[in-house]
Structure formats: C-alpha cells, structure tokens
Amino acid sequence: MAGSILCVLRDEDKKDNGITEGIKLMHSRIVVVAVFGFLLTGCATSGIFNSANVTNVELSEGNYELVATNVSGHSSAGYLIGFSWAYRAEPRTLALLRVDGDEMLVNAAMEDLWASFGAEHGSPAGRKLALVNVRFDSDAANYLGLYTQQNVTIRADVVEFGD
C-alpha cells in the first residue's frame, strides 16, 4: 500500500512539473512579446510637413520692401536609445524616449525665426510680411545609439508688402 501512495505522489509531481513548465513557457512568451512591443514603439518623427499648397507672389512691381535678411530660427530635441538622420530637408528620428527639446522641430524653429525677427524689427502682428528665400538645415548627432540629438535651423529673408 505504501508503494501505491508513492506512485500517486510521483504522478502528482509530474503533473505539477508539467504545469510549472507550461507557466514558465507562457511567462517567457509574454516577456518576448513585451520586449518586441517595447522595441517597436517609442518616439519617431519625420520632422517636416511638405505642403502641396503654392502661393505665387509677384515681387517685380516694387510693392514690397526687403525688411530683413538672413533671419534664423533654431530648435533641437534629444532622445534616448535611438538614431537620427536627415533625408533631403526632412529630419528623421527613431528613438524610445524624448528627454529634452521640442516635439515639433520645424514648427518650433519657425516660431524662433519670427521671435528673432520681432526682437530686431518689431512685432510681425498686423503687418503684411512674407518669408522669401527660405532655407532648411537639419543636423543629427548620434552617440553609440544611446543618445541622439536632432537640430533644425530655418533661415529666410523677410519682405513687407505696401498698399
């Protein structure tokens, strides 16, 4: 009788080991899915919005005045665990976490450009101004994939239209 009880215990041990192994396998699958999910998410930016709208303004009639040249605006953002690069005039970043700087680099650089203009030439509010000869510059610095920084600079000349 003692022998049959011992066999039952051994069968129970086998069932527990099977359940334990199944739980370990399920946990490892969850960890693998979570790691891949973590790697596939994060911060990514393509940086610039390419608009299809075009406005043509005739600048040959003398109805404008060049108010400022080479006005610039700058913005930057730093990210952990990722890479940044530029494709044409578009800054691109693929990273896990933005740790400093602006989320919308081109928009922030444009706002900085207008703030720079306003500091030197007065507020642009209520004036008929346009940017001409607009130039975008993008720069990326990568540090072994641990930290990356994306920089955007916009330069332009400003014209003011008369009546």
C-alpha atoms as a PDB file:
ATOM      1  CA  MET A   1       0.000   0.000   0.000  1.00  0.00           C
ATOM      2  CA  ALA A   2       2.851   2.357   0.740  1.00  0.00           C
ATOM      3  CA  GLY A   3       4.196   1.659  -2.737  1.00  0.00           C
ATOM      4  CA  SER A   4       0.968   2.733  -4.429  1.00  0.00           C
ATOM      5  CA  ILE A   5       0.820   6.001  -2.442  1.00  0.00           C
ATOM      6  CA  LEU A   6       4.389   6.708  -3.507  1.00  0.00           C
ATOM      7  CA  CYS A   7       3.420   6.193  -7.173  1.00  0.00           C
ATOM      8  CA  VAL A   8       0.468   8.578  -6.811  1.00  0.00           C
ATOM      9  CA  LEU A   9       2.735  11.246  -5.353  1.00  0.00           C
ATOM     10  CA  ARG A  10       5.168  10.799  -8.179  1.00  0.00           C
ATOM     11  CA  ASP A  11       2.346  11.154 -10.729  1.00  0.00           C
ATOM     12  CA  GLU A  12       1.219  14.359  -8.971  1.00  0.00           C
ATOM     13  CA  ASP A  13       4.814  15.649  -9.046  1.00  0.00           C
ATOM     14  CA  LYS A  14       4.906  15.029 -12.801  1.00  0.00           C
ATOM     15  CA  LYS A  15       1.632  16.939 -13.262  1.00  0.00           C
ATOM     16  CA  ASP A  16       2.973  19.870 -11.192  1.00  0.00           C
ATOM     17  CA  ASN A  17       6.195  19.919 -13.215  1.00  0.00           C
ATOM     18  CA  GLY A  18       4.187  19.984 -16.426  1.00  0.00           C
ATOM     19  CA  ILE A  19       2.074  22.874 -15.165  1.00  0.00           C
ATOM     20  CA  THR A  20       5.159  24.697 -13.887  1.00  0.00           C
ATOM     21  CA  GLU A  21       6.918  24.221 -17.221  1.00  0.00           C
ATOM     22  CA  GLY A  22       3.816  25.472 -19.037  1.00  0.00           C
ATOM     23  CA  ILE A  23       3.672  28.566 -16.821  1.00  0.00           C
ATOM     24  CA  LYS A  24       7.393  29.223 -17.393  1.00  0.00           C
ATOM     25  CA  LEU A  25       6.907  28.888 -21.147  1.00  0.00           C
ATOM     26  CA  MET A  26       3.911  31.237 -21.051  1.00  0.00           C
ATOM     27  CA  HIS A  27       5.885  33.796 -18.980  1.00  0.00           C
ATOM     28  CA  SER A  28       8.816  33.657 -21.392  1.00  0.00           C
ATOM     29  CA  ARG A  29       6.462  34.207 -24.340  1.00  0.00           C
ATOM     30  CA  ILE A  30       4.909  37.201 -22.587  1.00  0.00           C
ATOM     31  CA  VAL A  31       8.363  38.642 -21.923  1.00  0.00           C
ATOM     32  CA  VAL A  32       9.405  38.161 -25.561  1.00  0.00           C
ATOM     33  CA  VAL A  33       6.191  39.817 -26.825  1.00  0.00           C
ATOM     34  CA  ALA A  34       6.614  42.694 -24.345  1.00  0.00           C
ATOM     35  CA  VAL A  35      10.245  43.259 -25.392  1.00  0.00           C
ATOM     36  CA  PHE A  36       9.344  43.284 -29.096  1.00  0.00           C
ATOM     37  CA  GLY A  37       6.375  45.549 -28.387  1.00  0.00           C
ATOM     38  CA  PHE A  38       8.663  47.904 -26.457  1.00  0.00           C
ATOM     39  CA  LEU A  39      11.182  47.932 -29.298  1.00  0.00           C
ATOM     40  CA  LEU A  40       8.523  48.633 -31.912  1.00  0.00           C
ATOM     41  CA  THR A  41       7.081  51.595 -30.004  1.00  0.00           C
ATOM     42  CA  GLY A  42       8.754  54.793 -28.922  1.00  0.00           C
ATOM     43  CA  CYS A  43       9.451  58.212 -30.375  1.00  0.00           C
ATOM     44  CA  ALA A  44       9.641  58.682 -34.084  1.00  0.00           C
ATOM     45  CA  THR A  45       9.462  61.832 -36.111  1.00  0.00           C
ATOM     46  CA  SER A  46       9.680  62.642 -39.747  1.00  0.00           C
ATOM     47  CA  GLY A  47      10.092  66.283 -38.835  1.00  0.00           C
ATOM     48  CA  ILE A  48       8.829  68.382 -41.700  1.00  0.00           C
ATOM     49  CA  PHE A  49       5.415  68.767 -43.261  1.00  0.00           C
ATOM     50  CA  ASN A  50       5.654  69.035 -47.019  1.00  0.00           C
ATOM     51  CA  SER A  51       2.710  71.069 -48.196  1.00  0.00           C
ATOM     52  CA  ALA A  52       1.350  70.916 -51.713  1.00  0.00           C
ATOM     53  CA  ASN A  53      -0.036  74.463 -51.470  1.00  0.00           C
ATOM     54  CA  VAL A  54       1.863  77.011 -53.528  1.00  0.00           C
ATOM     55  CA  THR A  55       1.298  80.748 -53.494  1.00  0.00           C
ATOM     56  CA  ASN A  56       2.890  82.859 -56.187  1.00  0.00           C
ATOM     57  CA  VAL A  57       3.593  86.467 -55.369  1.00  0.00           C
ATOM     58  CA  GLU A  58       4.896  88.916 -57.974  1.00  0.00           C
ATOM     59  CA  LEU A  59       7.921  90.680 -56.467  1.00  0.00           C
ATOM     60  CA  SER A  60       8.852  92.699 -59.546  1.00  0.00           C
ATOM     61  CA  GLU A  61       6.359  95.542 -59.197  1.00  0.00           C
ATOM     62  CA  GLY A  62       8.007  97.453 -56.351  1.00  0.00           C
ATOM     63  CA  ASN A  63       5.092  96.776 -53.996  1.00  0.00           C
ATOM     64  CA  TYR A  64       7.355  95.379 -51.316  1.00  0.00           C
ATOM     65  CA  GLU A  65      10.364  96.258 -49.215  1.00  0.00           C
ATOM     66  CA  LEU A  66      13.094  93.896 -48.035  1.00  0.00           C
ATOM     67  CA  VAL A  67      12.972  94.374 -44.263  1.00  0.00           C
ATOM     68  CA  ALA A  68      15.406  91.721 -43.037  1.00  0.00           C
ATOM     69  CA  THR A  69      17.893  89.272 -44.482  1.00  0.00           C
ATOM     70  CA  ASN A  70      19.165  86.004 -43.138  1.00  0.00           C
ATOM     71  CA  VAL A  71      16.786  85.833 -40.175  1.00  0.00           C
ATOM     72  CA  SER A  72      17.130  82.439 -38.498  1.00  0.00           C
ATOM     73  CA  GLY A  73      15.295  80.193 -36.090  1.00  0.00           C
ATOM     74  CA  HIS A  74      16.575  77.068 -34.394  1.00  0.00           C
ATOM     75  CA  SER A  75      15.150  74.121 -32.470  1.00  0.00           C
ATOM     76  CA  SER A  76      16.506  70.820 -31.214  1.00  0.00           C
ATOM     77  CA  ALA A  77      15.464  67.685 -29.371  1.00  0.00           C
ATOM     78  CA  GLY A  78      17.391  64.949 -27.592  1.00  0.00           C
ATOM     79  CA  TYR A  79      16.349  61.305 -27.437  1.00  0.00           C
ATOM     80  CA  LEU A  80      17.481  58.208 -25.535  1.00  0.00           C
ATOM     81  CA  ILE A  81      18.255  54.930 -27.268  1.00  0.00           C
ATOM     82  CA  GLY A  82      17.814  55.716 -30.919  1.00  0.00           C
ATOM     83  CA  PHE A  83      19.167  57.214 -34.118  1.00  0.00           C
ATOM     84  CA  SER A  84      18.563  60.417 -36.058  1.00  0.00           C
ATOM     85  CA  TRP A  85      19.244  61.184 -39.697  1.00  0.00           C
ATOM     86  CA  ALA A  86      18.124  63.603 -42.382  1.00  0.00           C
ATOM     87  CA  TYR A  87      16.504  62.670 -45.656  1.00  0.00           C
ATOM     88  CA  ARG A  88      16.558  65.651 -48.020  1.00  0.00           C
ATOM     89  CA  ALA A  89      15.397  68.561 -45.854  1.00  0.00           C
ATOM     90  CA  GLU A  90      13.459  66.298 -43.511  1.00  0.00           C
ATOM     91  CA  PRO A  91      14.855  65.452 -40.068  1.00  0.00           C
ATOM     92  CA  ARG A  92      14.052  61.883 -39.004  1.00  0.00           C
ATOM     93  CA  THR A  93      14.417  60.221 -35.621  1.00  0.00           C
ATOM     94  CA  LEU A  94      13.666  56.741 -34.356  1.00  0.00           C
ATOM     95  CA  ALA A  95      14.098  56.515 -30.587  1.00  0.00           C
ATOM     96  CA  LEU A  96      12.496  55.245 -27.417  1.00  0.00           C
ATOM     97  CA  LEU A  97      12.177  58.453 -25.391  1.00  0.00           C
ATOM     98  CA  ARG A  98      12.456  62.208 -25.981  1.00  0.00           C
ATOM     99  CA  VAL A  99      14.297  63.663 -22.986  1.00  0.00           C
ATOM    100  CA  ASP A 100      14.602  67.336 -23.952  1.00  0.00           C
ATOM    101  CA  GLY A 101      13.721  69.852 -26.611  1.00  0.00           C
ATOM    102  CA  ASP A 102      10.773  70.427 -28.864  1.00  0.00           C
ATOM    103  CA  GLU A 103       8.400  67.797 -30.165  1.00  0.00           C
ATOM    104  CA  MET A 104       7.700  69.610 -33.449  1.00  0.00           C
ATOM    105  CA  LEU A 105      11.138  70.797 -34.541  1.00  0.00           C
ATOM    106  CA  VAL A 106      10.227  72.641 -37.736  1.00  0.00           C
ATOM    107  CA  ASN A 107       7.305  74.454 -36.088  1.00  0.00           C
ATOM    108  CA  ALA A 108       9.484  75.451 -33.108  1.00  0.00           C
ATOM    109  CA  ALA A 109      12.258  76.669 -35.437  1.00  0.00           C
ATOM    110  CA  MET A 110       9.743  78.774 -37.378  1.00  0.00           C
ATOM    111  CA  GLU A 111       8.412  80.290 -34.143  1.00  0.00           C
ATOM    112  CA  ASP A 112      12.001  81.051 -33.107  1.00  0.00           C
ATOM    113  CA  LEU A 113      12.604  82.698 -36.504  1.00  0.00           C
ATOM    114  CA  TRP A 114       9.630  85.030 -36.017  1.00  0.00           C
ATOM    115  CA  ALA A 115      10.715  85.775 -32.432  1.00  0.00           C
ATOM    116  CA  SER A 116      14.198  86.689 -33.721  1.00  0.00           C
ATOM    117  CA  PHE A 117      12.632  88.928 -36.363  1.00  0.00           C
ATOM    118  CA  GLY A 118      10.370  90.575 -33.775  1.00  0.00           C
ATOM    119  CA  ALA A 119      13.276  91.275 -31.424  1.00  0.00           C
ATOM    120  CA  GLU A 120      15.158  93.186 -34.136  1.00  0.00           C
ATOM    121  CA  HIS A 121      12.433  94.648 -36.359  1.00  0.00           C
ATOM    122  CA  GLY A 122       9.314  94.924 -34.233  1.00  0.00           C
ATOM    123  CA  SER A 123       6.321  92.657 -33.844  1.00  0.00           C
ATOM    124  CA  PRO A 124       5.100  90.955 -37.014  1.00  0.00           C
ATOM    125  CA  ALA A 125       1.480  91.152 -35.810  1.00  0.00           C
ATOM    126  CA  GLY A 126      -0.751  93.137 -38.156  1.00  0.00           C
ATOM    127  CA  ARG A 127       1.952  93.564 -40.804  1.00  0.00           C
ATOM    128  CA  LYS A 128       1.903  92.174 -44.347  1.00  0.00           C
ATOM    129  CA  LEU A 129       5.059  90.068 -44.167  1.00  0.00           C
ATOM    130  CA  ALA A 130       6.285  87.115 -46.157  1.00  0.00           C
ATOM    131  CA  LEU A 131       9.312  84.855 -45.933  1.00  0.00           C
ATOM    132  CA  VAL A 132      11.361  84.544 -49.113  1.00  0.00           C
ATOM    133  CA  ASN A 133      14.472  82.511 -49.919  1.00  0.00           C
ATOM    134  CA  VAL A 134      13.570  80.049 -47.147  1.00  0.00           C
ATOM    135  CA  ARG A 135      16.293  77.510 -46.373  1.00  0.00           C
ATOM    136  CA  PHE A 136      16.018  74.482 -44.079  1.00  0.00           C
ATOM    137  CA  ASP A 137      19.029  72.849 -42.483  1.00  0.00           C
ATOM    138  CA  SER A 138      18.924  69.664 -40.453  1.00  0.00           C
ATOM    139  CA  ASP A 139      21.701  68.097 -38.429  1.00  0.00           C
ATOM    140  CA  ALA A 140      21.806  64.891 -36.405  1.00  0.00           C
ATOM    141  CA  ALA A 141      24.278  63.737 -33.786  1.00  0.00           C
ATOM    142  CA  ASN A 142      24.292  60.081 -32.703  1.00  0.00           C
ATOM    143  CA  TYR A 143      26.212  58.759 -29.716  1.00  0.00           C
ATOM    144  CA  LEU A 144      26.536  54.970 -29.964  1.00  0.00           C
ATOM    145  CA  GLY A 145      22.784  54.552 -30.200  1.00  0.00           C
ATOM    146  CA  LEU A 146      22.387  55.601 -26.562  1.00  0.00           C
ATOM    147  CA  TYR A 147      21.632  59.281 -27.168  1.00  0.00           C
ATOM    148  CA  THR A 148      20.727  61.175 -30.308  1.00  0.00           C
ATOM    149  CA  GLN A 149      20.073  64.837 -30.944  1.00  0.00           C
ATOM    150  CA  GLN A 150      18.245  66.351 -33.890  1.00  0.00           C
ATOM    151  CA  ASN A 151      18.737  70.042 -34.789  1.00  0.00           C
ATOM    152  CA  VAL A 152      16.723  72.115 -37.267  1.00  0.00           C
ATOM    153  CA  THR A 153      17.584  75.612 -38.465  1.00  0.00           C
ATOM    154  CA  ILE A 154      15.443  77.736 -40.771  1.00  0.00           C
ATOM    155  CA  ARG A 155      16.852  80.835 -42.481  1.00  0.00           C
ATOM    156  CA  ALA A 156      14.900  83.304 -44.585  1.00  0.00           C
ATOM    157  CA  ASP A 157      14.655  86.856 -45.813  1.00  0.00           C
ATOM    158  CA  VAL A 158      11.587  88.878 -44.838  1.00  0.00           C
ATOM    159  CA  VAL A 159       9.695  91.206 -47.160  1.00  0.00           C
ATOM    160  CA  GLU A 160       6.902  93.606 -46.239  1.00  0.00           C
ATOM    161  CA  PHE A 161       4.207  94.494 -48.738  1.00  0.00           C
ATOM    162  CA  GLY A 162       2.896  98.021 -49.118  1.00  0.00           C
ATOM    163  CA  ASP A 163      -0.595  99.114 -50.012  1.00  0.00           C
END
